[in-house]
């Protein structure tokens, strides 16, 4: 076993994220379909196009995709934390 063989066996972030997207697509196609309201087909096509674009980006730029996700998660955590603490919480530390 050469070092190159070992690298091929370890899944990358792109592989994992691609597998998650593939699983979601399989699940969505196997669920029983209900009558689709008019105009929803376009939205469904747009969502599938967005999923393909995201998957392609993650495959091409895995490190950047993880960094963007981390920054987004940190920003969301900061917003939720600020909302839960209230506006006057900074005054208690003076």
PDB file of N, CA and C in Angstrom:
ATOM      1  N   UNK A   1       0.844  -1.175   0.000  1.00  0.00           N
ATOM      2  CA  UNK A   1       0.000   0.000   0.000  1.00  0.00           C
ATOM      3  C   UNK A   1       0.888   1.236   0.000  1.00  0.00           C
ATOM      4  N   UNK A   2       0.743   2.064  -1.004  1.00  0.00           N
ATOM      5  CA  UNK A   2       1.523   3.289  -1.107  1.00  0.00           C
ATOM      6  C   UNK A   2       0.755   4.440  -0.468  1.00  0.00           C
ATOM      7  N   UNK A   3       1.424   5.540  -0.156  1.00  0.00           N
ATOM      8  CA  UNK A   3       0.720   6.689   0.425  1.00  0.00           C
ATOM      9  C   UNK A   3      -0.422   7.195  -0.455  1.00  0.00           C
ATOM     10  N   UNK A   4      -0.282   7.083  -1.772  1.00  0.00           N
ATOM     11  CA  UNK A   4      -1.353   7.523  -2.661  1.00  0.00           C
ATOM     12  C   UNK A   4      -2.596   6.667  -2.506  1.00  0.00           C
ATOM     13  N   UNK A   5      -2.406   5.364  -2.270  1.00  0.00           N
ATOM     14  CA  UNK A   5      -3.549   4.475  -2.051  1.00  0.00           C
ATOM     15  C   UNK A   5      -4.281   4.851  -0.775  1.00  0.00           C
ATOM     16  N   UNK A   6      -3.560   5.257   0.251  1.00  0.00           N
ATOM     17  CA  UNK A   6      -4.164   5.638   1.511  1.00  0.00           C
ATOM     18  C   UNK A   6      -5.014   6.896   1.343  1.00  0.00           C
ATOM     19  N   UNK A   7      -4.521   7.854   0.553  1.00  0.00           N
ATOM     20  CA  UNK A   7      -5.281   9.081   0.323  1.00  0.00           C
ATOM     21  C   UNK A   7      -6.591   8.812  -0.393  1.00  0.00           C
ATOM     22  N   UNK A   8      -6.605   7.842  -1.282  1.00  0.00           N
ATOM     23  CA  UNK A   8      -7.822   7.530  -2.012  1.00  0.00           C
ATOM     24  C   UNK A   8      -8.872   6.895  -1.121  1.00  0.00           C
ATOM     25  N   UNK A   9      -8.487   6.266  -0.036  1.00  0.00           N
ATOM     26  CA  UNK A   9      -9.432   5.588   0.839  1.00  0.00           C
ATOM     27  C   UNK A   9     -10.092   6.548   1.822  1.00  0.00           C
ATOM     28  N   UNK A  10      -9.479   7.675   2.122  1.00  0.00           N
ATOM     29  CA  UNK A  10     -10.012   8.619   3.096  1.00  0.00           C
ATOM     30  C   UNK A  10     -10.983   9.560   2.385  1.00  0.00           C
ATOM     31  N   UNK A  11     -12.270   9.555   2.802  1.00  0.00           N
ATOM     32  CA  UNK A  11     -13.228  10.442   2.137  1.00  0.00           C
ATOM     33  C   UNK A  11     -12.948  11.905   2.490  1.00  0.00           C
ATOM     34  N   UNK A  12     -13.116  12.766   1.522  1.00  0.00           N
ATOM     35  CA  UNK A  12     -12.909  14.189   1.742  1.00  0.00           C
ATOM     36  C   UNK A  12     -14.213  14.841   2.161  1.00  0.00           C
ATOM     37  N   UNK A  13     -14.137  16.099   2.540  1.00  0.00           N
ATOM     38  CA  UNK A  13     -15.338  16.854   2.896  1.00  0.00           C
ATOM     39  C   UNK A  13     -16.272  16.932   1.700  1.00  0.00           C
ATOM     40  N   UNK A  14     -15.697  17.097   0.526  1.00  0.00           N
ATOM     41  CA  UNK A  14     -16.517  17.162  -0.692  1.00  0.00           C
ATOM     42  C   UNK A  14     -17.260  15.847  -0.913  1.00  0.00           C
ATOM     43  N   UNK A  15     -16.588  14.723  -0.666  1.00  0.00           N
ATOM     44  CA  UNK A  15     -17.244  13.424  -0.816  1.00  0.00           C
ATOM     45  C   UNK A  15     -18.413  13.291   0.148  1.00  0.00           C
ATOM     46  N   UNK A  16     -18.184  13.682   1.395  1.00  0.00           N
ATOM     47  CA  UNK A  16     -19.225  13.564   2.409  1.00  0.00           C
ATOM     48  C   UNK A  16     -20.417  14.463   2.096  1.00  0.00           C
ATOM     49  N   UNK A  17     -20.142  15.717   1.717  1.00  0.00           N
ATOM     50  CA  UNK A  17     -21.245  16.632   1.419  1.00  0.00           C
ATOM     51  C   UNK A  17     -21.991  16.196   0.170  1.00  0.00           C
ATOM     52  N   UNK A  18     -21.282  15.671  -0.799  1.00  0.00           N
ATOM     53  CA  UNK A  18     -21.926  15.170  -2.007  1.00  0.00           C
ATOM     54  C   UNK A  18     -22.826  13.984  -1.672  1.00  0.00           C
ATOM     55  N   UNK A  19     -22.374  13.132  -0.768  1.00  0.00           N
ATOM     56  CA  UNK A  19     -23.184  11.983  -0.365  1.00  0.00           C
ATOM     57  C   UNK A  19     -24.450  12.435   0.340  1.00  0.00           C
ATOM     58  N   UNK A  20     -24.356  13.478   1.161  1.00  0.00           N
ATOM     59  CA  UNK A  20     -25.535  13.986   1.870  1.00  0.00           C
ATOM     60  C   UNK A  20     -26.539  14.548   0.869  1.00  0.00           C
ATOM     61  N   UNK A  21     -26.065  15.310  -0.091  1.00  0.00           N
ATOM     62  CA  UNK A  21     -26.956  15.875  -1.106  1.00  0.00           C
ATOM     63  C   UNK A  21     -27.583  14.759  -1.928  1.00  0.00           C
ATOM     64  N   UNK A  22     -26.792  13.757  -2.296  1.00  0.00           N
ATOM     65  CA  UNK A  22     -27.329  12.624  -3.049  1.00  0.00           C
ATOM     66  C   UNK A  22     -28.398  11.895  -2.251  1.00  0.00           C
ATOM     67  N   UNK A  23     -28.155  11.677  -0.961  1.00  0.00           N
ATOM     68  CA  UNK A  23     -29.151  11.017  -0.111  1.00  0.00           C
ATOM     69  C   UNK A  23     -30.439  11.823  -0.050  1.00  0.00           C
ATOM     70  N   UNK A  24     -30.323  13.139   0.070  1.00  0.00           N
ATOM     71  CA  UNK A  24     -31.510  13.990   0.132  1.00  0.00           C
ATOM     72  C   UNK A  24     -32.304  13.915  -1.168  1.00  0.00           C
ATOM     73  N   UNK A  25     -31.604  13.866  -2.284  1.00  0.00           N
ATOM     74  CA  UNK A  25     -32.298  13.766  -3.568  1.00  0.00           C
ATOM     75  C   UNK A  25     -32.998  12.424  -3.710  1.00  0.00           C
ATOM     76  N   UNK A  26     -32.371  11.342  -3.261  1.00  0.00           N
ATOM     77  CA  UNK A  26     -32.984  10.023  -3.334  1.00  0.00           C
ATOM     78  C   UNK A  26     -34.223   9.976  -2.444  1.00  0.00           C
ATOM     79  N   UNK A  27     -34.116  10.510  -1.242  1.00  0.00           N
ATOM     80  CA  UNK A  27     -35.250  10.518  -0.326  1.00  0.00           C
ATOM     81  C   UNK A  27     -36.397  11.325  -0.906  1.00  0.00           C
ATOM     82  N   UNK A  28     -36.090  12.489  -1.484  1.00  0.00           N
ATOM     83  CA  UNK A  28     -37.156  13.328  -2.028  1.00  0.00           C
ATOM     84  C   UNK A  28     -37.851  12.664  -3.209  1.00  0.00           C
ATOM     85  N   UNK A  29     -37.125  11.838  -3.953  1.00  0.00           N
ATOM     86  CA  UNK A  29     -37.734  11.165  -5.100  1.00  0.00           C
ATOM     87  C   UNK A  29     -38.523   9.929  -4.692  1.00  0.00           C
ATOM     88  N   UNK A  30     -38.224   9.344  -3.532  1.00  0.00           N
ATOM     89  CA  UNK A  30     -38.933   8.142  -3.109  1.00  0.00           C
ATOM     90  C   UNK A  30     -40.145   8.441  -2.242  1.00  0.00           C
ATOM     91  N   UNK A  31     -40.254   9.660  -1.765  1.00  0.00           N
ATOM     92  CA  UNK A  31     -41.431  10.007  -0.975  1.00  0.00           C
ATOM     93  C   UNK A  31     -42.664  10.012  -1.866  1.00  0.00           C
ATOM     94  N   UNK A  32     -43.821   9.659  -1.304  1.00  0.00           N
ATOM     95  CA  UNK A  32     -45.027   9.699  -2.138  1.00  0.00           C
ATOM     96  C   UNK A  32     -45.301  11.127  -2.594  1.00  0.00           C
ATOM     97  N   UNK A  33     -45.614  11.258  -3.859  1.00  0.00           N
ATOM     98  CA  UNK A  33     -45.821  12.602  -4.390  1.00  0.00           C
ATOM     99  C   UNK A  33     -47.288  12.990  -4.266  1.00  0.00           C
ATOM    100  N   UNK A  34     -47.495  14.177  -3.799  1.00  0.00           N
ATOM    101  CA  UNK A  34     -48.832  14.739  -3.703  1.00  0.00           C
ATOM    102  C   UNK A  34     -49.060  15.617  -4.927  1.00  0.00           C
ATOM    103  N   UNK A  35     -50.259  16.042  -5.097  1.00  0.00           N
ATOM    104  CA  UNK A  35     -50.566  16.931  -6.217  1.00  0.00           C
ATOM    105  C   UNK A  35     -49.780  18.225  -6.017  1.00  0.00           C
ATOM    106  N   UNK A  36     -49.038  18.603  -7.029  1.00  0.00           N
ATOM    107  CA  UNK A  36     -48.179  19.779  -6.946  1.00  0.00           C
ATOM    108  C   UNK A  36     -48.979  20.994  -7.392  1.00  0.00           C
ATOM    109  N   UNK A  37     -49.046  22.028  -6.539  1.00  0.00           N
ATOM    110  CA  UNK A  37     -49.768  23.238  -6.933  1.00  0.00           C
ATOM    111  C   UNK A  37     -49.112  23.906  -8.142  1.00  0.00           C
ATOM    112  N   UNK A  38     -49.908  24.652  -8.882  1.00  0.00           N
ATOM    113  CA  UNK A  38     -49.414  25.345 -10.061  1.00  0.00           C
ATOM    114  C   UNK A  38     -48.310  26.324  -9.667  1.00  0.00           C
ATOM    115  N   UNK A  39     -47.252  26.360 -10.437  1.00  0.00           N
ATOM    116  CA  UNK A  39     -46.145  27.267 -10.177  1.00  0.00           C
ATOM    117  C   UNK A  39     -45.067  26.671  -9.297  1.00  0.00           C
ATOM    118  N   UNK A  40     -45.347  25.536  -8.676  1.00  0.00           N
ATOM    119  CA  UNK A  40     -44.374  24.933  -7.774  1.00  0.00           C
ATOM    120  C   UNK A  40     -43.283  24.205  -8.552  1.00  0.00           C
ATOM    121  N   UNK A  41     -43.585  23.760  -9.745  1.00  0.00           N
ATOM    122  CA  UNK A  41     -42.573  23.067 -10.554  1.00  0.00           C
ATOM    123  C   UNK A  41     -41.369  23.967 -10.817  1.00  0.00           C
ATOM    124  N   UNK A  42     -41.628  25.250 -11.079  1.00  0.00           N
ATOM    125  CA  UNK A  42     -40.521  26.180 -11.316  1.00  0.00           C
ATOM    126  C   UNK A  42     -39.669  26.314 -10.063  1.00  0.00           C
ATOM    127  N   UNK A  43     -40.335  26.426  -8.905  1.00  0.00           N
ATOM    128  CA  UNK A  43     -39.611  26.533  -7.640  1.00  0.00           C
ATOM    129  C   UNK A  43     -38.789  25.272  -7.382  1.00  0.00           C
ATOM    130  N   UNK A  44     -39.387  24.116  -7.656  1.00  0.00           N
ATOM    131  CA  UNK A  44     -38.661  22.854  -7.467  1.00  0.00           C
ATOM    132  C   UNK A  44     -37.430  22.805  -8.368  1.00  0.00           C
ATOM    133  N   UNK A  45     -37.569  23.257  -9.605  1.00  0.00           N
ATOM    134  CA  UNK A  45     -36.429  23.296 -10.517  1.00  0.00           C
ATOM    135  C   UNK A  45     -35.348  24.240 -10.028  1.00  0.00           C
ATOM    136  N   UNK A  46     -35.774  25.396  -9.492  1.00  0.00           N
ATOM    137  CA  UNK A  46     -34.806  26.354  -8.954  1.00  0.00           C
ATOM    138  C   UNK A  46     -34.050  25.774  -7.762  1.00  0.00           C
ATOM    139  N   UNK A  47     -34.758  25.052  -6.898  1.00  0.00           N
ATOM    140  CA  UNK A  47     -34.122  24.450  -5.721  1.00  0.00           C
ATOM    141  C   UNK A  47     -33.134  23.365  -6.156  1.00  0.00           C
ATOM    142  N   UNK A  48     -33.522  22.545  -7.130  1.00  0.00           N
ATOM    143  CA  UNK A  48     -32.608  21.511  -7.616  1.00  0.00           C
ATOM    144  C   UNK A  48     -31.370  22.136  -8.267  1.00  0.00           C
ATOM    145  N   UNK A  49     -31.579  23.231  -8.998  1.00  0.00           N
ATOM    146  CA  UNK A  49     -30.441  23.928  -9.607  1.00  0.00           C
ATOM    147  C   UNK A  49     -29.511  24.478  -8.516  1.00  0.00           C
ATOM    148  N   UNK A  50     -30.087  25.045  -7.454  1.00  0.00           N
ATOM    149  CA  UNK A  50     -29.278  25.578  -6.352  1.00  0.00           C
ATOM    150  C   UNK A  50     -28.502  24.457  -5.660  1.00  0.00           C
ATOM    151  N   UNK A  51     -29.144  23.311  -5.456  1.00  0.00           N
ATOM    152  CA  UNK A  51     -28.450  22.176  -4.843  1.00  0.00           C
ATOM    153  C   UNK A  51     -27.274  21.720  -5.703  1.00  0.00           C
ATOM    154  N   UNK A  52     -27.480  21.660  -7.001  1.00  0.00           N
ATOM    155  CA  UNK A  52     -26.386  21.266  -7.896  1.00  0.00           C
ATOM    156  C   UNK A  52     -25.251  22.280  -7.848  1.00  0.00           C
ATOM    157  N   UNK A  53     -25.603  23.563  -7.787  1.00  0.00           N
ATOM    158  CA  UNK A  53     -24.573  24.608  -7.729  1.00  0.00           C
ATOM    159  C   UNK A  53     -23.779  24.517  -6.430  1.00  0.00           C
ATOM    160  N   UNK A  54     -24.476  24.290  -5.310  1.00  0.00           N
ATOM    161  CA  UNK A  54     -23.795  24.175  -4.015  1.00  0.00           C
ATOM    162  C   UNK A  54     -22.886  22.958  -4.003  1.00  0.00           C
ATOM    163  N   UNK A  55     -23.390  21.852  -4.501  1.00  0.00           N
ATOM    164  CA  UNK A  55     -22.566  20.638  -4.518  1.00  0.00           C
ATOM    165  C   UNK A  55     -21.319  20.850  -5.377  1.00  0.00           C
ATOM    166  N   UNK A  56     -21.480  21.488  -6.522  1.00  0.00           N
ATOM    167  CA  UNK A  56     -20.338  21.767  -7.383  1.00  0.00           C
ATOM    168  C   UNK A  56     -19.326  22.672  -6.702  1.00  0.00           C
ATOM    169  N   UNK A  57     -19.821  23.682  -5.973  1.00  0.00           N
ATOM    170  CA  UNK A  57     -18.919  24.596  -5.272  1.00  0.00           C
ATOM    171  C   UNK A  57     -18.154  23.872  -4.178  1.00  0.00           C
ATOM    172  N   UNK A  58     -18.851  23.014  -3.436  1.00  0.00           N
ATOM    173  CA  UNK A  58     -18.195  22.285  -2.345  1.00  0.00           C
ATOM    174  C   UNK A  58     -17.142  21.335  -2.905  1.00  0.00           C
ATOM    175  N   UNK A  59     -17.414  20.749  -4.046  1.00  0.00           N
ATOM    176  CA  UNK A  59     -16.439  19.837  -4.656  1.00  0.00           C
ATOM    177  C   UNK A  59     -15.218  20.617  -5.144  1.00  0.00           C
ATOM    178  N   UNK A  60     -15.439  21.809  -5.742  1.00  0.00           N
ATOM    179  CA  UNK A  60     -14.326  22.596  -6.277  1.00  0.00           C
ATOM    180  C   UNK A  60     -13.547  23.323  -5.187  1.00  0.00           C
ATOM    181  N   UNK A  61     -14.228  23.824  -4.166  1.00  0.00           N
ATOM    182  CA  UNK A  61     -13.602  24.643  -3.121  1.00  0.00           C
ATOM    183  C   UNK A  61     -13.999  24.120  -1.726  1.00  0.00           C
ATOM    184  N   UNK A  62     -13.573  22.937  -1.310  1.00  0.00           N
ATOM    185  CA  UNK A  62     -14.043  22.382  -0.038  1.00  0.00           C
ATOM    186  C   UNK A  62     -13.622  23.204   1.185  1.00  0.00           C
ATOM    187  N   UNK A  63     -12.413  23.721   1.205  1.00  0.00           N
ATOM    188  CA  UNK A  63     -11.956  24.479   2.369  1.00  0.00           C
ATOM    189  C   UNK A  63     -12.728  25.790   2.483  1.00  0.00           C
ATOM    190  N   UNK A  64     -12.879  26.474   1.375  1.00  0.00           N
ATOM    191  CA  UNK A  64     -13.622  27.732   1.381  1.00  0.00           C
ATOM    192  C   UNK A  64     -15.081  27.503   1.778  1.00  0.00           C
ATOM    193  N   UNK A  65     -15.668  26.397   1.325  1.00  0.00           N
ATOM    194  CA  UNK A  65     -17.058  26.092   1.674  1.00  0.00           C
ATOM    195  C   UNK A  65     -17.208  25.862   3.182  1.00  0.00           C
ATOM    196  N   UNK A  66     -16.247  25.173   3.772  1.00  0.00           N
ATOM    197  CA  UNK A  66     -16.293  24.935   5.222  1.00  0.00           C
ATOM    198  C   UNK A  66     -16.104  26.249   5.975  1.00  0.00           C
ATOM    199  N   UNK A  67     -15.214  27.100   5.517  1.00  0.00           N
ATOM    200  CA  UNK A  67     -15.005  28.391   6.175  1.00  0.00           C
ATOM    201  C   UNK A  67     -16.256  29.272   6.086  1.00  0.00           C
ATOM    202  N   UNK A  68     -16.912  29.274   4.936  1.00  0.00           N
ATOM    203  CA  UNK A  68     -18.148  30.052   4.788  1.00  0.00           C
ATOM    204  C   UNK A  68     -19.211  29.516   5.739  1.00  0.00           C
ATOM    205  N   UNK A  69     -19.326  28.200   5.836  1.00  0.00           N
ATOM    206  CA  UNK A  69     -20.306  27.608   6.747  1.00  0.00           C
ATOM    207  C   UNK A  69     -19.982  27.949   8.204  1.00  0.00           C
ATOM    208  N   UNK A  70     -18.697  27.948   8.559  1.00  0.00           N
ATOM    209  CA  UNK A  70     -18.300  28.277   9.930  1.00  0.00           C
ATOM    210  C   UNK A  70     -18.609  29.731  10.256  1.00  0.00           C
ATOM    211  N   UNK A  71     -18.328  30.635   9.330  1.00  0.00           N
ATOM    212  CA  UNK A  71     -18.623  32.056   9.552  1.00  0.00           C
ATOM    213  C   UNK A  71     -20.131  32.276   9.670  1.00  0.00           C
ATOM    214  N   UNK A  72     -20.884  31.612   8.815  1.00  0.00           N
ATOM    215  CA  UNK A  72     -22.339  31.723   8.892  1.00  0.00           C
ATOM    216  C   UNK A  72     -22.880  31.199  10.211  1.00  0.00           C
ATOM    217  N   UNK A  73     -22.356  30.077  10.673  1.00  0.00           N
ATOM    218  CA  UNK A  73     -22.784  29.525  11.955  1.00  0.00           C
ATOM    219  C   UNK A  73     -22.415  30.426  13.119  1.00  0.00           C
ATOM    220  N   UNK A  74     -21.229  31.019  13.060  1.00  0.00           N
ATOM    221  CA  UNK A  74     -20.814  31.935  14.131  1.00  0.00           C
ATOM    222  C   UNK A  74     -21.690  33.176  14.155  1.00  0.00           C
ATOM    223  N   UNK A  75     -22.016  33.701  12.979  1.00  0.00           N
ATOM    224  CA  UNK A  75     -22.874  34.886  12.919  1.00  0.00           C
ATOM    225  C   UNK A  75     -24.271  34.570  13.449  1.00  0.00           C
ATOM    226  N   UNK A  76     -24.797  33.418  13.068  1.00  0.00           N
ATOM    227  CA  UNK A  76     -26.116  33.027  13.560  1.00  0.00           C
ATOM    228  C   UNK A  76     -26.099  32.824  15.071  1.00  0.00           C
ATOM    229  N   UNK A  77     -25.049  32.207  15.586  1.00  0.00           N
ATOM    230  CA  UNK A  77     -24.924  32.013  17.035  1.00  0.00           C
ATOM    231  C   UNK A  77     -24.847  33.348  17.764  1.00  0.00           C
ATOM    232  N   UNK A  78     -24.112  34.294  17.210  1.00  0.00           N
ATOM    233  CA  UNK A  78     -24.003  35.614  17.831  1.00  0.00           C
ATOM    234  C   UNK A  78     -25.350  36.324  17.850  1.00  0.00           C
ATOM    235  N   UNK A  79     -26.093  36.223  16.764  1.00  0.00           N
ATOM    236  CA  UNK A  79     -27.415  36.858  16.722  1.00  0.00           C
ATOM    237  C   UNK A  79     -28.374  36.238  17.734  1.00  0.00           C
ATOM    238  N   UNK A  80     -28.379  34.917  17.809  1.00  0.00           N
ATOM    239  CA  UNK A  80     -29.271  34.238  18.759  1.00  0.00           C
ATOM    240  C   UNK A  80     -28.852  34.558  20.188  1.00  0.00           C
ATOM    241  N   UNK A  81     -27.559  34.560  20.448  1.00  0.00           N
ATOM    242  CA  UNK A  81     -27.063  34.863  21.788  1.00  0.00           C
ATOM    243  C   UNK A  81     -27.416  36.289  22.196  1.00  0.00           C
ATOM    244  N   UNK A  82     -27.252  37.239  21.276  1.00  0.00           N
ATOM    245  CA  UNK A  82     -27.584  38.629  21.572  1.00  0.00           C
ATOM    246  C   UNK A  82     -29.079  38.781  21.823  1.00  0.00           C
ATOM    247  N   UNK A  83     -29.866  38.067  21.068  1.00  0.00           N
ATOM    248  CA  UNK A  83     -31.324  38.155  21.240  1.00  0.00           C
ATOM    249  C   UNK A  83     -31.755  37.554  22.574  1.00  0.00           C
ATOM    250  N   UNK A  84     -31.146  36.453  22.960  1.00  0.00           N
ATOM    251  CA  UNK A  84     -31.519  35.797  24.216  1.00  0.00           C
ATOM    252  C   UNK A  84     -31.055  36.584  25.440  1.00  0.00           C
ATOM    253  N   UNK A  85     -29.909  37.244  25.324  1.00  0.00           N
ATOM    254  CA  UNK A  85     -29.379  38.003  26.455  1.00  0.00           C
ATOM    255  C   UNK A  85     -30.121  39.318  26.664  1.00  0.00           C
ATOM    256  N   UNK A  86     -30.734  39.836  25.652  1.00  0.00           N
ATOM    257  CA  UNK A  86     -31.445  41.103  25.780  1.00  0.00           C
ATOM    258  C   UNK A  86     -30.532  42.285  25.531  1.00  0.00           C
ATOM    259  N   UNK A  87     -31.106  43.472  25.480  1.00  0.00           N
ATOM    260  CA  UNK A  87     -30.356  44.683  25.140  1.00  0.00           C
ATOM    261  C   UNK A  87     -29.536  45.230  26.308  1.00  0.00           C
ATOM    262  N   UNK A  88     -29.941  44.974  27.542  1.00  0.00           N
ATOM    263  CA  UNK A  88     -29.277  45.575  28.697  1.00  0.00           C
ATOM    264  C   UNK A  88     -28.209  44.686  29.322  1.00  0.00           C
ATOM    265  N   UNK A  89     -27.883  43.573  28.728  1.00  0.00           N
ATOM    266  CA  UNK A  89     -26.938  42.644  29.353  1.00  0.00           C
ATOM    267  C   UNK A  89     -25.534  43.234  29.434  1.00  0.00           C
ATOM    268  N   UNK A  90     -25.135  44.105  28.544  1.00  0.00           N
ATOM    269  CA  UNK A  90     -23.779  44.656  28.566  1.00  0.00           C
ATOM    270  C   UNK A  90     -23.592  45.615  29.738  1.00  0.00           C
ATOM    271  N   UNK A  91     -24.668  46.159  30.266  1.00  0.00           N
ATOM    272  CA  UNK A  91     -24.554  47.109  31.386  1.00  0.00           C
ATOM    273  C   UNK A  91     -24.202  46.434  32.703  1.00  0.00           C
ATOM    274  N   UNK A  92     -24.466  45.154  32.835  1.00  0.00           N
ATOM    275  CA  UNK A  92     -24.195  44.468  34.103  1.00  0.00           C
ATOM    276  C   UNK A  92     -22.710  44.274  34.346  1.00  0.00           C
ATOM    277  N   UNK A  93     -21.876  44.400  33.333  1.00  0.00           N
ATOM    278  CA  UNK A  93     -20.442  44.158  33.487  1.00  0.00           C
ATOM    279  C   UNK A  93     -19.637  45.435  33.714  1.00  0.00           C
ATOM    280  N   UNK A  94     -20.263  46.563  33.785  1.00  0.00           N
ATOM    281  CA  UNK A  94     -19.543  47.818  34.009  1.00  0.00           C
ATOM    282  C   UNK A  94     -19.113  47.988  35.438  1.00  0.00           C
TER     283      UNK A  94
END
